[in-house]
Amino acid sequence: MKKAYKVKNGAPYVIMVLPALLVFVTFFILPLIFTAKYSFYSWTNFSQEITFNGCYYSQSIRA
C-alpha cells in the first residue's frame, strides 16, 4: 500500500493566496510602478526624443 502524502497545515492557504496575489501584483502593483516611472519622462508618440522631467517634481515639492 502506498503512503499518502501529508499536506502541511499552511499549504491550503498558500495555494489559495498565490493566484490572488499574482493577479493583484499583475493588475495593480506593476501598472502603478510603471506609471510612476513614466511620469518622470516627457515623451510623445510621434517623436523618438525622451526627456527626463524629474526636476519638475523637485520644484513643486520645494514650492
Protein backbone atom coordinates (compact mmCIF):
# COMPACT_ATOMS: atom_id res chain seq x y z
CA MET A 1 0.00 0.00 0.00
CA LYS A 2 1.32 3.46 -0.89
CA LYS A 3 1.80 6.10 1.73
CA ALA A 4 -0.47 9.08 1.49
CA TYR A 5 1.34 12.38 1.21
CA LYS A 6 0.64 14.65 4.13
CA VAL A 7 -0.18 18.26 3.44
CA LYS A 8 1.30 20.79 5.81
CA ASN A 9 -1.12 22.91 7.80
CA GLY A 10 -0.40 26.15 5.93
CA ALA A 11 -0.30 24.69 2.42
CA PRO A 12 -4.01 25.09 1.53
CA TYR A 13 -3.86 28.77 2.43
CA VAL A 14 -0.79 29.34 0.31
CA ILE A 15 -2.41 27.58 -2.63
CA MET A 16 -5.41 29.88 -2.36
CA VAL A 17 -3.48 33.10 -1.76
CA LEU A 18 -0.87 32.76 -4.53
CA PRO A 19 -3.25 33.18 -7.50
CA ALA A 20 -4.91 36.18 -5.86
CA LEU A 21 -1.54 37.70 -5.09
CA LEU A 22 -0.38 37.13 -8.66
CA VAL A 23 -3.47 38.87 -10.06
CA PHE A 24 -3.10 41.75 -7.60
CA VAL A 25 0.55 42.31 -8.46
CA THR A 26 -0.06 41.97 -12.21
CA PHE A 27 -3.03 44.33 -12.47
CA PHE A 28 -2.43 46.81 -9.64
CA ILE A 29 1.15 46.98 -8.41
CA LEU A 30 3.05 46.71 -11.73
CA PRO A 31 0.92 49.35 -13.52
CA LEU A 32 1.37 51.65 -10.52
CA ILE A 33 5.15 51.25 -10.68
CA PHE A 34 5.27 51.79 -14.45
CA THR A 35 3.02 54.86 -14.20
CA ALA A 36 5.28 56.39 -11.58
CA LYS A 37 8.31 55.63 -13.75
CA TYR A 38 6.77 57.11 -16.90
CA SER A 39 5.62 60.25 -15.09
CA PHE A 40 9.26 61.30 -14.74
CA TYR A 41 9.70 61.46 -18.53
CA SER A 42 8.24 63.63 -21.28
CA TRP A 43 7.53 61.66 -24.41
CA THR A 44 5.07 61.89 -27.28
CA ASN A 45 4.14 59.04 -29.55
CA PHE A 46 5.29 60.94 -32.61
CA SER A 47 8.89 61.69 -31.63
CA GLN A 48 11.80 59.50 -30.67
CA GLU A 49 13.10 62.03 -28.14
CA ILE A 50 12.56 61.16 -24.49
CA THR A 51 13.47 63.81 -21.91
CA PHE A 52 13.75 63.50 -18.15
CA ASN A 53 11.33 65.75 -16.24
CA GLY A 54 12.15 64.71 -12.70
CA CYS A 55 13.33 68.22 -11.88
CA TYR A 56 9.71 69.44 -12.10
CA TYR A 57 8.83 67.24 -9.15
CA SER A 58 11.62 68.71 -7.04
CA GLN A 59 10.50 72.24 -7.94
CA SER A 60 6.89 71.51 -6.98
CA ILE A 61 7.94 69.92 -3.67
CA ARG A 62 10.04 72.96 -2.72
CA ALA A 63 7.23 75.43 -3.51
